[in-house]
Each structure stands twice: as structure tokens, then as C-alpha cells.
Amino acid sequence: MTRKLRVLFAGAMLTALCSSTFAAPDPAAIMKKAGLAVNNAKTYQGKWRMVISMGDMGTMSMDMDVKTTSDGKAYIATTPVGTPTGMMAMGAAMAATTTVSDGKTLYTYIKAMNAYQKMPAPKNRANNPALGNMLGPASAKDAKFKYLGTEMVRGKKCHVIRVEPPARQSNPQQRGEMTAYVDVATGRLAQMRMVMTMPGMGTQTNGRPQSGSGGNGTPPPPKPITMTTTMVVLSETLNAPIPASTFKFTPPKGATEMKNGMVGGMRGVPGAGAPPGPVPPAPRR
């Protein structure tokens, strides 16, 4: 082999080695691994911090205590923490909820109303409001992933992955994006951030739009509303025993059952829902 050919061959080998060494990690594989540990566990116990920000409308934070089992039982308690700001302060009290599922019936209790609602626990866990997957659209079959690099989260080096959920039949004016932060050392999800942009609400006076700078006396277009939800995993424990009493719901003293979205049959009182935001998947059998 001539000197020139040896130089070219060495250069090609070096290029191939560098390409394989410094190639970006496979984001789809990282996300799949992040979900397997939880999905395959017999029990999951976690404490999360959820922060919801809506810009000028304010911010609120909640702590979540989550317990699930492989046979579909679940316990989720949300507690507002800190001082909410702006309009979010009005809804903070309603965020104190407890959701319990024994695998057959799902109960949601709203502390501020001292009222609870019960419904059959969905057979399909993916549709269960108490057992929804924290990875949500990230685990969808047609989701797309983009590796963005690494970032420190609570002192842990994390892979940063942009998640593009498959297109859904929804309001075309709504736009959303999701970013996952996966611990490099453990391969477990450390944080999830979801940003949703929605059409703004028009300003009205006596039911009529106000005149503004929109031209021809029409009101200016409303400013879009952006809601950012950040879920931070504070701690997790897998396969540890959970007392059976955790998944038994006993109504607090004086609590009223909601029926058809009403308290005691009274109209105008909304029914309870699951705690805001996504919660972790039920481990598989």
C-alpha cells in the first residue's frame, strides 16, 4: 500500500471511529428505557412537584404523593404548596384533592368542597384518569423524538429529549410541545415539561366586544395564552410493599357525594376530576 493510500485509509478509519463515538444517543431508546422500570414494577411510590405557570395569569405549585400497583390500584394526593399568584390563586384551594382506585371503583375527593365523586375504574389503564402515563404522548406508538443534548436537573446530568406526539383530532388553534429530562446515570425520568399555547379570550363589555386597534372598530386579536406545566420527580421507590388500606376510600365526615357533576343534586357545582396534570403509569403485571 502506497503512503498516499495509507493516509487516506487512516483518515477514513478515524472519521468512522469519531462518528460512532460521538453520535447522538437514540432518543426513542432512552424514552423506552425510562418507562420500562416503572411499567415492569409490581409497585410504584413517588413524590412529585408540579408547577403550573400561565404567564400574566399567575403561577401555582403542588406536591403529589403517588402510589400504584400492578393490578390497577392507585392513590394520588395533591397538595398546593407555596403562595400562588395572580388568577391561579383563586383555583389553588380546589387543587387539594385525593384520588383513590381499588381497581374497580375510582374515587376523587375535593377538600375545599368536602365532596367526592365515584365512577367505575376504566378497564383500559391508558384511559384511567388516576393511572395515566406520566410519559403520556411520549409512549404513543407514532410519537417522534429529537435529542437536544444534556442539562443539569436538581444536580443530575440529564438527557434532554423533545417529544412530538402524533397528530390528534383537537382544536387546530392549540399548540403543544413536550420535553423530557432523563437521568443519564439511572435512565429514569427526572422531569417533564409541557407547554400548551391556546387562543386568548376576547375582551367584552356588557356582552359586546370593545372597540380597539383591530381596525374598523373591531377589537384587537386576543393575546394567546401559554400554560407551562413542569413535573419534577422528587423521589421514587419501586417494588416496596404498600399497605392495602392505602387503596380503600372512606369519605371524610360530612362529605357529600357528587352525582352527575353536582353536589347533592345541586345544579351549578362542577364535578370532581382527577388531579391536574399527568400521573405515572400503573406497573404491569
C-alpha atoms as a PDB file:
ATOM      1  CA  MET A   1       0.000   0.000   0.000  1.00  0.00           C
ATOM      2  CA  THR A   2       1.440   3.347  -1.008  1.00  0.00           C
ATOM      3  CA  ARG A   3       1.945   6.136   1.524  1.00  0.00           C
ATOM      4  CA  LYS A   4      -0.928   8.129  -0.011  1.00  0.00           C
ATOM      5  CA  LEU A   5      -3.340   5.193   0.251  1.00  0.00           C
ATOM      6  CA  ARG A   6      -2.282   4.531   3.851  1.00  0.00           C
ATOM      7  CA  VAL A   7      -3.007   8.158   4.763  1.00  0.00           C
ATOM      8  CA  LEU A   8      -6.430   8.036   3.104  1.00  0.00           C
ATOM      9  CA  PHE A   9      -7.272   4.723   4.792  1.00  0.00           C
ATOM     10  CA  ALA A  10      -6.213   6.013   8.209  1.00  0.00           C
ATOM     11  CA  GLY A  11      -8.297   9.144   7.698  1.00  0.00           C
ATOM     12  CA  ALA A  12     -11.373   7.131   6.759  1.00  0.00           C
ATOM     13  CA  MET A  13     -10.976   4.877   9.808  1.00  0.00           C
ATOM     14  CA  LEU A  14     -10.577   7.890  12.104  1.00  0.00           C
ATOM     15  CA  THR A  15     -13.693   9.519  10.654  1.00  0.00           C
ATOM     16  CA  ALA A  16     -15.725   6.341  11.141  1.00  0.00           C
ATOM     17  CA  LEU A  17     -14.460   5.951  14.709  1.00  0.00           C
ATOM     18  CA  CYS A  18     -15.297   9.545  15.607  1.00  0.00           C
ATOM     19  CA  SER A  19     -18.750   9.262  14.051  1.00  0.00           C
ATOM     20  CA  SER A  20     -19.594   6.175  16.100  1.00  0.00           C
ATOM     21  CA  THR A  21     -18.055   7.591  19.276  1.00  0.00           C
ATOM     22  CA  PHE A  22     -19.767  10.970  19.176  1.00  0.00           C
ATOM     23  CA  ALA A  23     -23.085  10.016  17.573  1.00  0.00           C
ATOM     24  CA  ALA A  24     -26.070  11.395  19.465  1.00  0.00           C
ATOM     25  CA  PRO A  25     -27.815   8.837  21.701  1.00  0.00           C
ATOM     26  CA  ASP A  26     -31.027   7.271  20.392  1.00  0.00           C
ATOM     27  CA  PRO A  27     -33.820   9.360  21.990  1.00  0.00           C
ATOM     28  CA  ALA A  28     -36.516   6.740  21.321  1.00  0.00           C
ATOM     29  CA  ALA A  29     -34.455   4.064  23.087  1.00  0.00           C
ATOM     30  CA  ILE A  30     -33.827   6.387  26.041  1.00  0.00           C
ATOM     31  CA  MET A  31     -37.540   7.112  26.437  1.00  0.00           C
ATOM     32  CA  LYS A  32     -38.448   3.437  26.165  1.00  0.00           C
ATOM     33  CA  LYS A  33     -35.959   2.506  28.874  1.00  0.00           C
ATOM     34  CA  ALA A  34     -37.225   5.321  31.104  1.00  0.00           C
ATOM     35  CA  GLY A  35     -40.696   3.783  31.125  1.00  0.00           C
ATOM     36  CA  LEU A  36     -39.746   0.119  31.433  1.00  0.00           C
ATOM     37  CA  ALA A  37     -38.517   0.244  35.029  1.00  0.00           C
ATOM     38  CA  VAL A  38     -41.813   1.717  36.237  1.00  0.00           C
ATOM     39  CA  ASN A  39     -44.064  -0.271  33.917  1.00  0.00           C
ATOM     40  CA  ASN A  40     -42.492  -3.575  34.935  1.00  0.00           C
ATOM     41  CA  ALA A  41     -42.556  -2.901  38.674  1.00  0.00           C
ATOM     42  CA  LYS A  42     -45.110  -4.532  40.967  1.00  0.00           C
ATOM     43  CA  THR A  43     -45.499  -1.290  42.925  1.00  0.00           C
ATOM     44  CA  TYR A  44     -44.537   2.338  42.388  1.00  0.00           C
ATOM     45  CA  GLN A  45     -44.303   5.076  45.009  1.00  0.00           C
ATOM     46  CA  GLY A  46     -43.237   8.585  44.092  1.00  0.00           C
ATOM     47  CA  LYS A  47     -43.298  12.170  45.261  1.00  0.00           C
ATOM     48  CA  TRP A  48     -43.511  14.848  42.595  1.00  0.00           C
ATOM     49  CA  ARG A  49     -43.572  18.629  42.449  1.00  0.00           C
ATOM     50  CA  MET A  50     -45.827  20.128  39.786  1.00  0.00           C
ATOM     51  CA  VAL A  51     -45.541  23.804  38.816  1.00  0.00           C
ATOM     52  CA  ILE A  52     -48.150  25.383  36.535  1.00  0.00           C
ATOM     53  CA  SER A  53     -47.407  28.799  35.045  1.00  0.00           C
ATOM     54  CA  MET A  54     -49.722  30.851  32.837  1.00  0.00           C
ATOM     55  CA  GLY A  55     -47.630  33.996  32.427  1.00  0.00           C
ATOM     56  CA  ASP A  56     -49.507  37.127  33.495  1.00  0.00           C
ATOM     57  CA  MET A  57     -52.333  34.959  34.848  1.00  0.00           C
ATOM     58  CA  GLY A  58     -50.093  33.617  37.592  1.00  0.00           C
ATOM     59  CA  THR A  59     -48.347  30.513  38.880  1.00  0.00           C
ATOM     60  CA  MET A  60     -49.135  27.751  41.350  1.00  0.00           C
ATOM     61  CA  SER A  61     -47.242  24.737  42.699  1.00  0.00           C
ATOM     62  CA  MET A  62     -48.449  21.403  44.047  1.00  0.00           C
ATOM     63  CA  ASP A  63     -46.845  18.390  45.677  1.00  0.00           C
ATOM     64  CA  MET A  64     -48.086  14.981  44.563  1.00  0.00           C
ATOM     65  CA  ASP A  65     -47.887  11.744  46.536  1.00  0.00           C
ATOM     66  CA  VAL A  66     -48.392   8.828  44.143  1.00  0.00           C
ATOM     67  CA  LYS A  67     -48.768   5.105  44.791  1.00  0.00           C
ATOM     68  CA  THR A  68     -49.756   2.471  42.212  1.00  0.00           C
ATOM     69  CA  THR A  69     -49.760  -1.307  41.908  1.00  0.00           C
ATOM     70  CA  SER A  70     -49.538  -3.747  39.027  1.00  0.00           C
ATOM     71  CA  ASP A  71     -53.167  -4.821  39.476  1.00  0.00           C
ATOM     72  CA  GLY A  72     -54.571  -1.343  38.823  1.00  0.00           C
ATOM     73  CA  LYS A  73     -54.857   0.158  42.307  1.00  0.00           C
ATOM     74  CA  ALA A  74     -53.815   3.767  42.808  1.00  0.00           C
ATOM     75  CA  TYR A  75     -53.554   6.574  45.343  1.00  0.00           C
ATOM     76  CA  ILE A  76     -52.792  10.170  44.314  1.00  0.00           C
ATOM     77  CA  ALA A  77     -52.882  13.104  46.740  1.00  0.00           C
ATOM     78  CA  THR A  78     -52.210  16.660  45.560  1.00  0.00           C
ATOM     79  CA  THR A  79     -51.409  19.479  47.987  1.00  0.00           C
ATOM     80  CA  PRO A  80     -50.863  23.127  46.981  1.00  0.00           C
ATOM     81  CA  VAL A  81     -47.543  24.493  48.250  1.00  0.00           C
ATOM     82  CA  GLY A  82     -46.077  27.963  48.397  1.00  0.00           C
ATOM     83  CA  THR A  83     -48.054  31.091  47.544  1.00  0.00           C
ATOM     84  CA  PRO A  84     -49.947  31.047  44.240  1.00  0.00           C
ATOM     85  CA  THR A  85     -50.034  34.270  42.256  1.00  0.00           C
ATOM     86  CA  GLY A  86     -52.495  36.084  40.015  1.00  0.00           C
ATOM     87  CA  MET A  87     -55.673  34.359  38.905  1.00  0.00           C
ATOM     88  CA  MET A  88     -54.124  30.993  39.731  1.00  0.00           C
ATOM     89  CA  ALA A  89     -54.545  31.834  43.413  1.00  0.00           C
ATOM     90  CA  MET A  90     -58.326  31.508  43.066  1.00  0.00           C
ATOM     91  CA  GLY A  91     -58.077  27.905  41.947  1.00  0.00           C
ATOM     92  CA  ALA A  92     -55.307  26.786  44.283  1.00  0.00           C
ATOM     93  CA  ALA A  93     -57.691  25.611  47.012  1.00  0.00           C
ATOM     94  CA  MET A  94     -59.534  23.389  44.541  1.00  0.00           C
ATOM     95  CA  ALA A  95     -56.245  21.675  43.728  1.00  0.00           C
ATOM     96  CA  ALA A  96     -56.179  19.886  47.088  1.00  0.00           C
ATOM     97  CA  THR A  97     -57.566  16.515  46.001  1.00  0.00           C
ATOM     98  CA  THR A  98     -57.256  12.826  46.768  1.00  0.00           C
ATOM     99  CA  THR A  99     -57.877  10.159  44.144  1.00  0.00           C
ATOM    100  CA  VAL A 100     -58.163   6.509  45.167  1.00  0.00           C
ATOM    101  CA  SER A 101     -58.795   3.467  42.991  1.00  0.00           C
ATOM    102  CA  ASP A 102     -59.233  -0.066  44.289  1.00  0.00           C
ATOM    103  CA  GLY A 103     -59.063  -1.360  40.736  1.00  0.00           C
ATOM    104  CA  LYS A 104     -62.848  -1.482  40.403  1.00  0.00           C
ATOM    105  CA  THR A 105     -64.089   1.933  41.536  1.00  0.00           C
ATOM    106  CA  LEU A 106     -62.301   5.262  41.306  1.00  0.00           C
ATOM    107  CA  TYR A 107     -62.992   7.972  43.904  1.00  0.00           C
ATOM    108  CA  THR A 108     -61.933  11.625  43.750  1.00  0.00           C
ATOM    109  CA  TYR A 109     -62.295  13.838  46.831  1.00  0.00           C
ATOM    110  CA  ILE A 110     -62.056  17.663  46.692  1.00  0.00           C
ATOM    111  CA  LYS A 111     -61.145  19.023  50.101  1.00  0.00           C
ATOM    112  CA  ALA A 112     -62.378  22.599  49.504  1.00  0.00           C
ATOM    113  CA  MET A 113     -65.876  21.299  48.711  1.00  0.00           C
ATOM    114  CA  ASN A 114     -65.806  18.391  51.169  1.00  0.00           C
ATOM    115  CA  ALA A 115     -67.311  16.404  48.316  1.00  0.00           C
ATOM    116  CA  TYR A 116     -66.344  13.318  46.366  1.00  0.00           C
ATOM    117  CA  GLN A 117     -67.238  11.608  43.128  1.00  0.00           C
ATOM    118  CA  LYS A 118     -67.035   7.942  42.241  1.00  0.00           C
ATOM    119  CA  MET A 119     -67.010   6.170  38.906  1.00  0.00           C
ATOM    120  CA  PRO A 120     -66.049   2.758  37.551  1.00  0.00           C
ATOM    121  CA  ALA A 121     -62.312   2.367  37.170  1.00  0.00           C
ATOM    122  CA  PRO A 122     -61.681   2.121  33.414  1.00  0.00           C
ATOM    123  CA  LYS A 123     -60.544  -1.295  32.263  1.00  0.00           C
ATOM    124  CA  ASN A 124     -58.097   0.320  29.863  1.00  0.00           C
ATOM    125  CA  ARG A 125     -55.398   1.809  32.076  1.00  0.00           C
ATOM    126  CA  ALA A 126     -54.365   4.250  29.368  1.00  0.00           C
ATOM    127  CA  ASN A 127     -57.769   5.954  29.775  1.00  0.00           C
ATOM    128  CA  ASN A 128     -57.782   5.879  33.564  1.00  0.00           C
ATOM    129  CA  PRO A 129     -57.527   9.449  34.923  1.00  0.00           C
ATOM    130  CA  ALA A 130     -55.774   8.185  38.056  1.00  0.00           C
ATOM    131  CA  LEU A 131     -53.413   5.806  36.302  1.00  0.00           C
ATOM    132  CA  GLY A 132     -52.493   7.785  33.219  1.00  0.00           C
ATOM    133  CA  ASN A 133     -48.919   7.546  31.977  1.00  0.00           C
ATOM    134  CA  MET A 134     -46.654  10.402  33.056  1.00  0.00           C
ATOM    135  CA  LEU A 135     -44.853   9.938  29.767  1.00  0.00           C
ATOM    136  CA  GLY A 136     -48.246  10.427  28.122  1.00  0.00           C
ATOM    137  CA  PRO A 137     -47.830  11.088  24.400  1.00  0.00           C
ATOM    138  CA  ALA A 138     -44.165  10.110  24.752  1.00  0.00           C
ATOM    139  CA  SER A 139     -45.250   6.472  24.877  1.00  0.00           C
ATOM    140  CA  ALA A 140     -47.611   6.766  21.907  1.00  0.00           C
ATOM    141  CA  LYS A 141     -46.861   4.469  19.007  1.00  0.00           C
ATOM    142  CA  ASP A 142     -46.283   7.220  16.455  1.00  0.00           C
ATOM    143  CA  ALA A 143     -44.512   9.725  18.726  1.00  0.00           C
ATOM    144  CA  LYS A 144     -41.337  11.296  17.360  1.00  0.00           C
ATOM    145  CA  PHE A 145     -38.261  12.179  19.397  1.00  0.00           C
ATOM    146  CA  LYS A 146     -35.389  14.619  18.962  1.00  0.00           C
ATOM    147  CA  TYR A 147     -32.246  14.561  21.071  1.00  0.00           C
ATOM    148  CA  LEU A 148     -31.338  18.080  22.259  1.00  0.00           C
ATOM    149  CA  GLY A 149     -28.258  17.368  24.376  1.00  0.00           C
ATOM    150  CA  THR A 150     -27.767  17.275  28.145  1.00  0.00           C
ATOM    151  CA  GLU A 151     -28.742  19.575  31.013  1.00  0.00           C
ATOM    152  CA  MET A 152     -28.417  19.544  34.803  1.00  0.00           C
ATOM    153  CA  VAL A 153     -31.682  18.959  36.725  1.00  0.00           C
ATOM    154  CA  ARG A 154     -31.501  19.003  40.539  1.00  0.00           C
ATOM    155  CA  GLY A 155     -27.803  18.211  40.369  1.00  0.00           C
ATOM    156  CA  LYS A 156     -28.258  15.320  37.923  1.00  0.00           C
ATOM    157  CA  LYS A 157     -26.986  15.244  34.366  1.00  0.00           C
ATOM    158  CA  CYS A 158     -29.975  14.513  32.143  1.00  0.00           C
ATOM    159  CA  HIS A 159     -30.623  13.719  28.506  1.00  0.00           C
ATOM    160  CA  VAL A 160     -32.953  16.372  27.059  1.00  0.00           C
ATOM    161  CA  ILE A 161     -35.429  14.985  24.530  1.00  0.00           C
ATOM    162  CA  ARG A 162     -38.089  16.848  22.575  1.00  0.00           C
ATOM    163  CA  VAL A 163     -41.240  14.755  22.160  1.00  0.00           C
ATOM    164  CA  GLU A 164     -43.577  15.292  19.219  1.00  0.00           C
ATOM    165  CA  PRO A 165     -46.862  13.448  19.901  1.00  0.00           C
ATOM    166  CA  PRO A 166     -48.803  12.073  16.940  1.00  0.00           C
ATOM    167  CA  ALA A 167     -51.349  14.469  15.471  1.00  0.00           C
ATOM    168  CA  ARG A 168     -54.682  14.364  17.281  1.00  0.00           C
ATOM    169  CA  GLN A 169     -58.156  15.496  16.390  1.00  0.00           C
ATOM    170  CA  SER A 170     -58.250  18.620  18.524  1.00  0.00           C
ATOM    171  CA  ASN A 171     -58.565  22.372  18.265  1.00  0.00           C
ATOM    172  CA  PRO A 172     -56.142  23.356  15.475  1.00  0.00           C
ATOM    173  CA  GLN A 173     -55.534  26.646  17.283  1.00  0.00           C
ATOM    174  CA  GLN A 174     -53.957  24.795  20.199  1.00  0.00           C
ATOM    175  CA  ARG A 175     -50.246  24.061  20.015  1.00  0.00           C
ATOM    176  CA  GLY A 176     -48.285  21.938  22.422  1.00  0.00           C
ATOM    177  CA  GLU A 177     -44.789  20.653  22.946  1.00  0.00           C
ATOM    178  CA  MET A 178     -43.215  18.298  25.457  1.00  0.00           C
ATOM    179  CA  THR A 179     -39.638  17.984  26.701  1.00  0.00           C
ATOM    180  CA  ALA A 180     -38.391  15.034  28.754  1.00  0.00           C
ATOM    181  CA  TYR A 181     -35.345  15.065  31.027  1.00  0.00           C
ATOM    182  CA  VAL A 182     -33.932  11.576  31.639  1.00  0.00           C
ATOM    183  CA  ASP A 183     -31.221  10.916  34.248  1.00  0.00           C
ATOM    184  CA  VAL A 184     -28.069   9.810  32.389  1.00  0.00           C
ATOM    185  CA  ALA A 185     -26.864   7.684  35.330  1.00  0.00           C
ATOM    186  CA  THR A 186     -30.094   5.803  36.085  1.00  0.00           C
ATOM    187  CA  GLY A 187     -32.037   6.032  32.827  1.00  0.00           C
ATOM    188  CA  ARG A 188     -35.094   7.170  34.805  1.00  0.00           C
ATOM    189  CA  LEU A 189     -37.297  10.162  34.089  1.00  0.00           C
ATOM    190  CA  ALA A 190     -36.278  13.147  36.232  1.00  0.00           C
ATOM    191  CA  GLN A 191     -38.510  15.884  34.841  1.00  0.00           C
ATOM    192  CA  MET A 192     -41.155  16.514  32.207  1.00  0.00           C
ATOM    193  CA  ARG A 193     -42.134  19.914  30.834  1.00  0.00           C
ATOM    194  CA  MET A 194     -45.261  20.522  28.763  1.00  0.00           C
ATOM    195  CA  VAL A 195     -46.058  23.830  27.045  1.00  0.00           C
ATOM    196  CA  MET A 196     -49.546  24.423  25.644  1.00  0.00           C
ATOM    197  CA  THR A 197     -50.487  27.555  23.690  1.00  0.00           C
ATOM    198  CA  MET A 198     -54.205  28.298  23.417  1.00  0.00           C
ATOM    199  CA  PRO A 199     -56.249  31.096  21.819  1.00  0.00           C
ATOM    200  CA  GLY A 200     -56.761  34.072  24.107  1.00  0.00           C
ATOM    201  CA  MET A 201     -60.133  35.217  25.367  1.00  0.00           C
ATOM    202  CA  GLY A 202     -61.609  38.357  23.801  1.00  0.00           C
ATOM    203  CA  THR A 203     -62.332  41.368  25.996  1.00  0.00           C
ATOM    204  CA  GLN A 204     -66.022  42.182  26.279  1.00  0.00           C
ATOM    205  CA  THR A 205     -68.205  44.817  27.886  1.00  0.00           C
ATOM    206  CA  ASN A 206     -71.881  44.019  28.537  1.00  0.00           C
ATOM    207  CA  GLY A 207     -71.505  41.010  26.314  1.00  0.00           C
ATOM    208  CA  ARG A 208     -70.193  43.064  23.375  1.00  0.00           C
ATOM    209  CA  PRO A 209     -66.611  43.267  22.107  1.00  0.00           C
ATOM    210  CA  GLN A 210     -64.871  46.509  22.976  1.00  0.00           C
ATOM    211  CA  SER A 211     -63.554  48.752  20.228  1.00  0.00           C
ATOM    212  CA  GLY A 212     -59.813  48.599  19.879  1.00  0.00           C
ATOM    213  CA  SER A 213     -56.926  48.675  17.489  1.00  0.00           C
ATOM    214  CA  GLY A 214     -58.140  45.806  15.336  1.00  0.00           C
ATOM    215  CA  GLY A 215     -59.333  48.179  12.585  1.00  0.00           C
ATOM    216  CA  ASN A 216     -62.864  49.224  11.588  1.00  0.00           C
ATOM    217  CA  GLY A 217     -63.831  49.485  15.250  1.00  0.00           C
ATOM    218  CA  THR A 218     -63.159  45.801  15.861  1.00  0.00           C
ATOM    219  CA  PRO A 219     -61.333  44.687  18.993  1.00  0.00           C
ATOM    220  CA  PRO A 220     -57.661  43.720  18.722  1.00  0.00           C
ATOM    221  CA  PRO A 221     -56.976  39.997  18.493  1.00  0.00           C
ATOM    222  CA  PRO A 222     -56.721  38.434  21.963  1.00  0.00           C
ATOM    223  CA  LYS A 223     -53.273  37.559  23.221  1.00  0.00           C
ATOM    224  CA  PRO A 224     -52.606  33.785  23.138  1.00  0.00           C
ATOM    225  CA  ILE A 225     -52.461  32.032  26.494  1.00  0.00           C
ATOM    226  CA  THR A 226     -49.444  29.838  27.194  1.00  0.00           C
ATOM    227  CA  MET A 227     -49.557  27.289  30.001  1.00  0.00           C
ATOM    228  CA  THR A 228     -46.319  25.639  31.098  1.00  0.00           C
ATOM    229  CA  THR A 229     -46.546  22.570  33.343  1.00  0.00           C
ATOM    230  CA  THR A 230     -43.335  21.235  34.864  1.00  0.00           C
ATOM    231  CA  MET A 231     -43.337  17.876  36.648  1.00  0.00           C
ATOM    232  CA  VAL A 232     -40.243  17.187  38.778  1.00  0.00           C
ATOM    233  CA  VAL A 233     -39.647  13.747  40.279  1.00  0.00           C
ATOM    234  CA  LEU A 234     -38.505  14.342  43.874  1.00  0.00           C
ATOM    235  CA  SER A 235     -38.212  10.676  44.866  1.00  0.00           C
ATOM    236  CA  GLU A 236     -39.216   7.213  43.651  1.00  0.00           C
ATOM    237  CA  THR A 237     -39.382   3.727  45.155  1.00  0.00           C
ATOM    238  CA  LEU A 238     -40.116   0.560  43.192  1.00  0.00           C
ATOM    239  CA  ASN A 239     -41.403  -2.813  44.404  1.00  0.00           C
ATOM    240  CA  ALA A 240     -41.755  -1.782  48.057  1.00  0.00           C
ATOM    241  CA  PRO A 241     -44.836  -3.062  49.951  1.00  0.00           C
ATOM    242  CA  ILE A 242     -47.848  -0.719  50.101  1.00  0.00           C
ATOM    243  CA  PRO A 243     -50.483  -1.254  52.834  1.00  0.00           C
ATOM    244  CA  ALA A 244     -53.792  -2.486  51.416  1.00  0.00           C
ATOM    245  CA  SER A 245     -55.614   0.258  53.354  1.00  0.00           C
ATOM    246  CA  THR A 246     -53.963   2.843  51.068  1.00  0.00           C
ATOM    247  CA  PHE A 247     -56.391   1.912  48.298  1.00  0.00           C
ATOM    248  CA  LYS A 248     -59.543   1.937  50.424  1.00  0.00           C
ATOM    249  CA  PHE A 249     -61.546   5.157  50.233  1.00  0.00           C
ATOM    250  CA  THR A 250     -63.506   6.272  53.290  1.00  0.00           C
ATOM    251  CA  PRO A 251     -65.449   9.550  52.839  1.00  0.00           C
ATOM    252  CA  PRO A 252     -64.448  12.203  55.401  1.00  0.00           C
ATOM    253  CA  LYS A 253     -67.075  13.166  57.960  1.00  0.00           C
ATOM    254  CA  GLY A 254     -69.851  15.226  56.389  1.00  0.00           C
ATOM    255  CA  ALA A 255     -68.594  14.723  52.831  1.00  0.00           C
ATOM    256  CA  THR A 256     -71.246  14.873  50.097  1.00  0.00           C
ATOM    257  CA  GLU A 257     -71.251  12.584  47.097  1.00  0.00           C
ATOM    258  CA  MET A 258     -71.344  14.268  43.701  1.00  0.00           C
ATOM    259  CA  LYS A 259     -73.769  12.775  41.223  1.00  0.00           C
ATOM    260  CA  ASN A 260     -73.874  13.764  37.556  1.00  0.00           C
ATOM    261  CA  GLY A 261     -71.350  16.507  38.222  1.00  0.00           C
ATOM    262  CA  MET A 262     -73.401  18.056  41.052  1.00  0.00           C
ATOM    263  CA  VAL A 263     -73.125  18.081  44.818  1.00  0.00           C
ATOM    264  CA  GLY A 264     -76.208  16.597  46.437  1.00  0.00           C
ATOM    265  CA  GLY A 265     -78.126  17.161  43.214  1.00  0.00           C
ATOM    266  CA  MET A 266     -77.481  20.927  43.302  1.00  0.00           C
ATOM    267  CA  ARG A 267     -77.015  22.469  39.884  1.00  0.00           C
ATOM    268  CA  GLY A 268     -74.062  24.644  39.012  1.00  0.00           C
ATOM    269  CA  VAL A 269     -71.484  22.828  41.122  1.00  0.00           C
ATOM    270  CA  PRO A 270     -68.863  21.156  38.945  1.00  0.00           C
ATOM    271  CA  GLY A 271     -67.980  17.541  39.423  1.00  0.00           C
ATOM    272  CA  ALA A 272     -64.608  16.372  40.537  1.00  0.00           C
ATOM    273  CA  GLY A 273     -61.907  15.382  38.177  1.00  0.00           C
ATOM    274  CA  ALA A 274     -58.549  13.724  38.514  1.00  0.00           C
ATOM    275  CA  PRO A 275     -55.673  15.741  39.932  1.00  0.00           C
ATOM    276  CA  PRO A 276     -54.380  18.220  37.361  1.00  0.00           C
ATOM    277  CA  GLY A 277     -51.626  17.068  35.088  1.00  0.00           C
ATOM    278  CA  PRO A 278     -50.346  13.619  34.218  1.00  0.00           C
ATOM    279  CA  VAL A 279     -49.628  10.914  36.764  1.00  0.00           C
ATOM    280  CA  PRO A 280     -47.474   7.810  36.458  1.00  0.00           C
ATOM    281  CA  PRO A 281     -48.347   4.575  34.725  1.00  0.00           C
ATOM    282  CA  ALA A 282     -49.636   1.597  36.616  1.00  0.00           C
ATOM    283  CA  PRO A 283     -46.877  -1.017  36.683  1.00  0.00           C
ATOM    284  CA  ARG A 284     -47.563  -4.017  34.519  1.00  0.00           C
ATOM    285  CA  ARG A 285     -48.295  -7.432  35.907  1.00  0.00           C
END
